[in-house]
């Protein structure tokens, strides 16, 4: 009895080890950085898309929609900064709370959807060039973009019907839902993860896996095309590895730990899962700042301008350093020459 009682006490204490202060310190800082970088990067990126609209091909339609999805989320970040900086106190009403969470999901799964479309277009353009020549146009890209928005909307709409605050409370804005609906939400989240993340990820892996094989075996492929595809593969790998994969893993794990706690099961690792989930939430919102790099990769003129700016900056820096290095030895040499000259004159006298 005493052993069982001590275990129950230990488990109860383990259940209380959720590090809320970490969330209130970490998320506002990340959101401020993402807002500053994401806003400026998307403005710059969309400007480059506008300037090179004809040169980017039909993919530019997806890129434009990707930018729109980013802006929808970036503009909600100041409200989330206010919420978490005020120790999770929401002052903007429950309707706007659900709109804010909706914009996050719209950005996340819209980004995944349009990145998948870009990957498929790259695949068709490189592996099946002759078959799709003349068949893929701007109108088709616009129709596919509309379908992506519709599918994403259908996937995330049920989230709007889950409570985002406890009963008789309006000063909370949960990113998932209350404990009352947590079991149903986990089932929804798992299905949502499969359709909105796992399936697109598999499509992207298959497309770029085949592209890499084709580019590595064909010797007559344009070198610039190889470089561009390699850059895009690297960017997508970074994006999915840092932003998307950890978030979906720890979102579902955190939901499961909440259910286990309600059932009376507690463990010390639950707090680590909670902290990891908060970190993954910070990382996943960074996709709004990383996405512009995806469409800047396709703009060779922009990349050339960046390289020229870097070269000019390095040249100016080296010139400044060279002047400083040149002047100091020159001054030292003049002093040394005076000493040598005076020494020679003294010897001659």
Protein backbone atom coordinates (compact mmCIF):
# COMPACT_ATOMS: atom_id res chain seq x y z
CA UNK A 1 0.00 0.00 0.00
CA UNK A 2 2.74 2.41 0.94
CA UNK A 3 4.69 1.61 -2.23
CA UNK A 4 1.62 2.11 -4.39
CA UNK A 5 0.83 5.34 -2.59
CA UNK A 6 4.35 6.68 -3.13
CA UNK A 7 4.15 5.83 -6.82
CA UNK A 8 0.85 7.64 -7.10
CA UNK A 9 2.35 10.70 -5.45
CA UNK A 10 5.38 10.59 -7.76
CA UNK A 11 3.14 10.26 -10.80
CA UNK A 12 0.97 13.17 -9.68
CA UNK A 13 4.04 15.32 -9.30
CA UNK A 14 5.29 14.23 -12.72
CA UNK A 15 1.98 15.38 -14.23
CA UNK A 16 2.56 18.90 -12.94
CA UNK A 17 5.93 19.37 -14.64
CA UNK A 18 4.66 21.13 -17.74
CA UNK A 19 7.02 24.01 -18.44
CA UNK A 20 4.59 26.81 -19.36
CA UNK A 21 7.15 29.59 -18.68
CA UNK A 22 9.31 28.09 -21.44
CA UNK A 23 6.43 28.51 -23.90
CA UNK A 24 5.89 32.11 -22.82
CA UNK A 25 9.57 32.91 -23.36
CA UNK A 26 10.28 30.86 -26.45
CA UNK A 27 7.29 31.34 -28.76
CA UNK A 28 7.07 35.18 -28.65
CA UNK A 29 10.76 35.44 -29.48
CA UNK A 30 10.44 33.07 -32.43
CA UNK A 31 7.25 34.73 -33.69
CA UNK A 32 8.87 38.18 -33.66
CA UNK A 33 11.84 36.90 -35.68
CA UNK A 34 9.62 35.05 -38.14
CA UNK A 35 7.40 38.09 -38.60
CA UNK A 36 10.37 40.35 -39.35
CA UNK A 37 12.18 37.89 -41.62
CA UNK A 38 9.08 36.34 -43.18
CA UNK A 39 7.44 39.64 -44.12
CA UNK A 40 10.54 41.14 -45.71
CA UNK A 41 11.60 37.86 -47.38
CA UNK A 42 8.15 37.30 -48.90
CA UNK A 43 7.99 40.87 -50.19
CA UNK A 44 11.41 40.45 -51.77
CA UNK A 45 10.58 36.99 -53.09
CA UNK A 46 7.25 37.95 -54.61
CA UNK A 47 8.85 41.00 -56.17
CA UNK A 48 11.40 38.75 -57.85
CA UNK A 49 8.57 36.49 -59.03
CA UNK A 50 6.77 39.50 -60.50
CA UNK A 51 9.90 40.72 -62.27
CA UNK A 52 10.64 37.28 -63.73
CA UNK A 53 7.02 36.20 -64.26
CA UNK A 54 7.46 34.98 -67.84
CA UNK A 55 10.84 33.36 -67.23
CA UNK A 56 9.76 31.21 -64.30
CA UNK A 57 7.19 29.28 -66.32
CA UNK A 58 3.92 27.82 -65.06
CA UNK A 59 5.39 27.09 -61.63
CA UNK A 60 5.08 30.80 -60.83
CA UNK A 61 1.34 30.31 -60.21
CA UNK A 62 2.14 27.93 -57.34
CA UNK A 63 4.85 30.25 -56.09
CA UNK A 64 2.40 33.15 -56.00
CA UNK A 65 -0.09 31.09 -53.98
CA UNK A 66 2.72 29.99 -51.67
CA UNK A 67 3.48 33.63 -50.98
CA UNK A 68 -0.20 34.41 -50.32
CA UNK A 69 -0.36 31.55 -47.80
CA UNK A 70 2.73 32.91 -46.05
CA UNK A 71 1.31 36.41 -45.79
CA UNK A 72 -1.96 35.12 -44.31
CA UNK A 73 -0.03 33.59 -41.44
CA UNK A 74 2.62 36.29 -40.99
CA UNK A 75 -0.04 38.92 -40.36
CA UNK A 76 -1.47 36.88 -37.43
CA UNK A 77 1.88 36.64 -35.61
CA UNK A 78 1.65 39.97 -33.71
CA UNK A 79 -1.56 38.71 -32.08
CA UNK A 80 0.11 35.45 -31.05
CA UNK A 81 3.10 37.35 -29.67
CA UNK A 82 0.71 39.37 -27.52
CA UNK A 83 -1.06 36.18 -26.38
CA UNK A 84 2.00 34.22 -25.26
CA UNK A 85 3.86 37.25 -23.89
CA UNK A 86 0.82 37.86 -21.65
CA UNK A 87 1.07 34.34 -20.15
CA UNK A 88 -1.48 32.83 -22.55
CA UNK A 89 -4.15 35.48 -22.09
CA UNK A 90 -6.21 36.02 -25.26
CA UNK A 91 -7.93 39.41 -25.52
CA UNK A 92 -9.14 39.37 -29.13
CA UNK A 93 -12.23 37.17 -28.82
CA UNK A 94 -12.83 33.51 -29.61
CA UNK A 95 -13.88 34.10 -33.21
CA UNK A 96 -10.59 35.76 -34.05
CA UNK A 97 -8.78 33.05 -32.08
CA UNK A 98 -10.18 30.40 -34.41
CA UNK A 99 -9.36 32.56 -37.44
CA UNK A 100 -5.76 32.89 -36.24
CA UNK A 101 -5.37 29.14 -35.77
CA UNK A 102 -7.10 28.59 -39.10
CA UNK A 103 -4.58 30.86 -40.86
CA UNK A 104 -1.72 28.89 -39.33
CA UNK A 105 -3.08 25.60 -40.63
CA UNK A 106 -3.94 27.16 -43.98
CA UNK A 107 -0.35 28.36 -44.32
CA UNK A 108 1.17 25.06 -43.17
CA UNK A 109 -0.83 22.68 -45.34
CA UNK A 110 -1.14 25.15 -48.20
CA UNK A 111 2.67 25.38 -48.23
CA UNK A 112 2.99 21.59 -48.27
CA UNK A 113 0.40 21.35 -51.05
CA UNK A 114 2.02 23.93 -53.32
CA UNK A 115 5.51 22.55 -52.69
CA UNK A 116 4.13 19.19 -53.80
CA UNK A 117 2.75 20.77 -56.98
CA UNK A 118 6.11 22.40 -57.70
CA UNK A 119 7.81 19.03 -57.25
CA UNK A 120 5.39 17.30 -59.64
CA UNK A 121 5.86 20.02 -62.25
CA UNK A 122 9.64 19.74 -61.94
CA UNK A 123 9.35 15.98 -62.31
CA UNK A 124 7.14 16.17 -65.40
CA UNK A 125 9.29 18.87 -66.99
CA UNK A 126 12.54 16.93 -66.54
CA UNK A 127 11.58 13.25 -66.76
CA UNK A 128 8.63 13.48 -69.19
CA UNK A 129 9.55 16.60 -71.12
CA UNK A 130 8.14 15.59 -74.50
CA UNK A 131 4.90 14.15 -73.12
CA UNK A 132 3.89 17.32 -71.23
CA UNK A 133 5.23 19.84 -73.75
CA UNK A 134 2.39 22.24 -74.59
CA UNK A 135 -0.05 20.51 -72.24
CA UNK A 136 0.88 22.36 -69.03
CA UNK A 137 -0.13 26.01 -69.12
CA UNK A 138 -0.98 28.85 -66.77
CA UNK A 139 -4.70 28.06 -66.86
CA UNK A 140 -4.11 24.48 -65.73
CA UNK A 141 -1.79 25.69 -62.98
CA UNK A 142 -4.49 28.10 -61.76
CA UNK A 143 -7.08 25.30 -61.70
CA UNK A 144 -4.71 23.01 -59.77
CA UNK A 145 -4.00 25.85 -57.31
CA UNK A 146 -7.73 26.28 -56.71
CA UNK A 147 -8.05 22.53 -56.07
CA UNK A 148 -5.17 22.67 -53.57
CA UNK A 149 -6.90 25.49 -51.65
CA UNK A 150 -10.17 23.52 -51.62
CA UNK A 151 -8.52 20.31 -50.39
CA UNK A 152 -6.58 22.16 -47.69
CA UNK A 153 -9.75 24.00 -46.63
CA UNK A 154 -11.65 20.70 -46.31
CA UNK A 155 -8.83 19.17 -44.26
CA UNK A 156 -8.52 22.00 -41.74
CA UNK A 157 -12.19 23.05 -41.50
CA UNK A 158 -13.05 20.51 -38.75
CA UNK A 159 -10.46 22.19 -36.52
CA UNK A 160 -12.72 25.25 -36.39
CA UNK A 161 -15.42 23.24 -34.63
CA UNK A 162 -13.20 22.15 -31.72
CA UNK A 163 -13.23 24.35 -28.62
CA UNK A 164 -10.16 26.57 -28.30
CA UNK A 165 -10.82 27.57 -24.68
CA UNK A 166 -12.21 25.98 -21.55
CA UNK A 167 -15.91 26.23 -20.81
CA UNK A 168 -17.00 29.64 -19.45
CA UNK A 169 -13.60 31.08 -20.36
CA UNK A 170 -12.73 33.38 -23.25
CA UNK A 171 -9.17 34.39 -22.40
CA UNK A 172 -7.54 31.24 -23.86
CA UNK A 173 -6.66 30.30 -27.43
CA UNK A 174 -5.45 26.68 -27.62
CA UNK A 175 -3.64 25.55 -30.74
CA UNK A 176 -5.45 22.18 -30.54
CA UNK A 177 -8.45 21.85 -28.22
CA UNK A 178 -9.58 21.35 -24.62
CA UNK A 179 -9.22 18.11 -22.65
CA UNK A 180 -12.92 17.43 -23.17
CA UNK A 181 -12.42 16.79 -26.89
CA UNK A 182 -8.80 15.66 -26.87
CA UNK A 183 -9.49 12.01 -27.79
CA UNK A 184 -11.52 12.97 -30.85
CA UNK A 185 -8.93 15.57 -31.77
CA UNK A 186 -6.11 12.99 -31.71
CA UNK A 187 -8.00 10.77 -34.17
CA UNK A 188 -8.61 13.78 -36.39
CA UNK A 189 -4.99 14.89 -36.08
CA UNK A 190 -3.65 11.47 -37.11
CA UNK A 191 -5.85 11.35 -40.21
CA UNK A 192 -4.98 14.96 -40.95
CA UNK A 193 -1.27 14.18 -40.63
CA UNK A 194 -1.54 11.30 -43.09
CA UNK A 195 -3.52 13.12 -45.78
CA UNK A 196 -1.95 16.55 -45.35
CA UNK A 197 1.66 15.61 -44.69
CA UNK A 198 2.63 11.94 -45.19
CA UNK A 199 1.05 11.56 -48.65
CA UNK A 200 2.58 14.82 -50.02
CA UNK A 201 5.94 13.88 -48.50
CA UNK A 202 5.91 10.51 -50.25
CA UNK A 203 5.01 12.19 -53.56
CA UNK A 204 7.86 14.69 -53.19
CA UNK A 205 10.36 11.94 -52.31
CA UNK A 206 9.33 9.86 -55.32
CA UNK A 207 9.48 12.83 -57.69
CA UNK A 208 12.87 14.13 -56.62
CA UNK A 209 14.29 10.63 -56.19
CA UNK A 210 13.50 9.89 -59.82
CA UNK A 211 14.77 13.33 -60.89
CA UNK A 212 18.12 12.73 -59.19
CA UNK A 213 18.45 9.35 -60.93
CA UNK A 214 17.65 10.88 -64.34
CA UNK A 215 20.00 13.83 -63.90
CA UNK A 216 22.84 11.60 -62.70
CA UNK A 217 22.52 9.12 -65.60
CA UNK A 218 21.95 11.57 -68.47
CA UNK A 219 25.04 13.38 -69.71
CA UNK A 220 23.27 15.79 -72.04
CA UNK A 221 21.28 17.58 -69.31
CA UNK A 222 21.92 21.31 -68.92
CA UNK A 223 24.34 22.04 -66.07
CA UNK A 224 22.25 25.00 -64.90
CA UNK A 225 19.18 22.75 -64.69
CA UNK A 226 21.12 20.27 -62.58
CA UNK A 227 22.26 23.00 -60.20
CA UNK A 228 18.76 24.45 -59.87
CA UNK A 229 17.19 21.06 -59.13
CA UNK A 230 19.92 20.24 -56.63
CA UNK A 231 19.33 23.55 -54.85
CA UNK A 232 15.60 22.88 -54.73
CA UNK A 233 16.09 19.36 -53.38
CA UNK A 234 18.40 20.71 -50.65
CA UNK A 235 15.93 23.46 -49.71
CA UNK A 236 13.00 21.05 -49.53
CA UNK A 237 15.05 18.61 -47.46
CA UNK A 238 15.89 21.36 -44.98
CA UNK A 239 12.30 22.60 -44.94
CA UNK A 240 10.75 19.21 -44.24
CA UNK A 241 13.48 18.07 -41.82
CA UNK A 242 13.44 21.21 -39.68
CA UNK A 243 9.90 22.52 -39.99
CA UNK A 244 7.36 19.87 -40.91
CA UNK A 245 8.52 16.47 -39.66
CA UNK A 246 9.20 17.38 -35.98
CA UNK A 247 5.93 19.30 -35.72
CA UNK A 248 3.73 16.44 -36.88
CA UNK A 249 5.54 13.91 -34.71
CA UNK A 250 5.40 15.92 -31.49
CA UNK A 251 1.91 17.33 -32.04
CA UNK A 252 0.46 13.82 -32.00
CA UNK A 253 2.76 12.64 -29.19
CA UNK A 254 1.75 15.61 -27.04
CA UNK A 255 -1.94 14.92 -27.68
CA UNK A 256 -1.39 11.30 -26.63
CA UNK A 257 0.37 12.31 -23.40
CA UNK A 258 -2.57 14.57 -22.52
CA UNK A 259 -4.93 11.62 -22.94
CA UNK A 260 -2.71 9.40 -20.79
CA UNK A 261 -2.68 12.02 -18.04
CA UNK A 262 -6.47 12.14 -18.06
CA UNK A 263 -6.43 8.36 -17.66
CA UNK A 264 -4.12 8.65 -14.63
CA UNK A 265 -0.87 7.65 -16.32
CA UNK A 266 2.07 10.00 -15.84
CA UNK A 267 5.75 9.89 -16.72
CA UNK A 268 8.70 12.23 -16.46
CA UNK A 269 9.17 12.14 -20.26
CA UNK A 270 5.79 13.85 -20.77
CA UNK A 271 7.30 17.22 -19.90
CA UNK A 272 10.10 16.65 -22.41
CA UNK A 273 7.51 15.83 -25.06
CA UNK A 274 5.64 19.04 -24.22
CA UNK A 275 8.81 21.15 -24.52
CA UNK A 276 9.75 19.41 -27.78
CA UNK A 277 6.26 20.14 -29.09
CA UNK A 278 6.65 23.85 -28.28
CA UNK A 279 10.04 23.91 -30.01
CA UNK A 280 8.52 22.19 -33.05
CA UNK A 281 5.76 24.82 -33.10
CA UNK A 282 8.42 27.49 -33.26
CA UNK A 283 10.26 25.63 -36.02
CA UNK A 284 7.19 24.94 -38.14
CA UNK A 285 6.25 28.62 -38.30
CA UNK A 286 9.70 29.27 -39.75
CA UNK A 287 8.47 27.82 -43.03
CA UNK A 288 7.01 31.28 -43.74
CA UNK A 289 10.54 32.66 -43.65
CA UNK A 290 12.14 29.74 -45.53
CA UNK A 291 9.54 29.43 -48.30
CA UNK A 292 10.78 32.55 -50.17
CA UNK A 293 14.09 30.76 -50.71
CA UNK A 294 12.20 28.10 -52.65
CA UNK A 295 11.04 30.55 -55.28
CA UNK A 296 14.25 32.56 -55.25
CA UNK A 297 16.06 29.37 -56.28
CA UNK A 298 14.20 29.47 -59.58
CA UNK A 299 15.21 33.04 -60.35
CA UNK A 300 18.71 32.99 -61.81
CA UNK A 301 18.83 36.78 -62.33
CA UNK A 302 18.15 37.37 -58.65
CA UNK A 303 20.83 34.85 -57.66
CA UNK A 304 23.31 36.55 -59.99
CA UNK A 305 22.53 39.93 -58.41
CA UNK A 306 23.10 38.48 -54.95
CA UNK A 307 26.43 36.99 -56.08
CA UNK A 308 27.50 40.31 -57.65
CA UNK A 309 26.57 42.17 -54.46
CA UNK A 310 28.61 39.69 -52.41
CA UNK A 311 31.57 40.08 -54.76
CA UNK A 312 31.36 43.88 -54.58
CA UNK A 313 31.10 43.78 -50.79
CA UNK A 314 34.10 41.45 -50.51
CA UNK A 315 36.10 43.56 -52.96
CA UNK A 316 35.39 46.73 -50.98
CA UNK A 317 36.24 44.99 -47.72
CA UNK A 318 39.51 43.63 -49.12
CA UNK A 319 40.40 47.06 -50.47
CA UNK A 320 39.87 48.61 -47.04
CA UNK A 321 41.89 45.86 -45.38
CA UNK A 322 44.58 46.24 -48.05
CA UNK A 323 44.85 49.98 -47.48
CA UNK A 324 45.21 49.48 -43.74
CA UNK A 325 47.81 46.74 -44.19
CA UNK A 326 49.67 48.82 -46.78
CA UNK A 327 49.72 51.98 -44.71
CA UNK A 328 50.94 50.41 -41.47
CA UNK A 329 54.03 48.73 -42.97
CA UNK A 330 54.69 51.91 -44.96
CA UNK A 331 54.71 53.98 -41.78
CA UNK A 332 56.91 51.42 -40.06
CA UNK A 333 59.23 51.30 -43.04
CA UNK A 334 59.62 55.09 -43.08
CA UNK A 335 60.53 55.09 -39.39
CA UNK A 336 62.92 52.25 -39.96
CA UNK A 337 64.48 54.05 -42.92
CA UNK A 338 65.04 57.18 -40.79
CA UNK A 339 66.76 55.13 -38.12
CA UNK A 340 68.92 53.33 -40.70
CA UNK A 341 69.77 56.61 -42.46
CA UNK A 342 70.73 58.32 -39.21
CA UNK A 343 72.81 55.31 -38.26
CA UNK A 344 74.64 55.34 -41.59
CA UNK A 345 75.26 59.09 -41.33
CA UNK A 346 76.69 58.69 -37.84
CA UNK A 347 78.99 55.94 -39.07
CA UNK A 348 80.15 58.13 -41.98
CA UNK A 349 80.85 61.06 -39.64
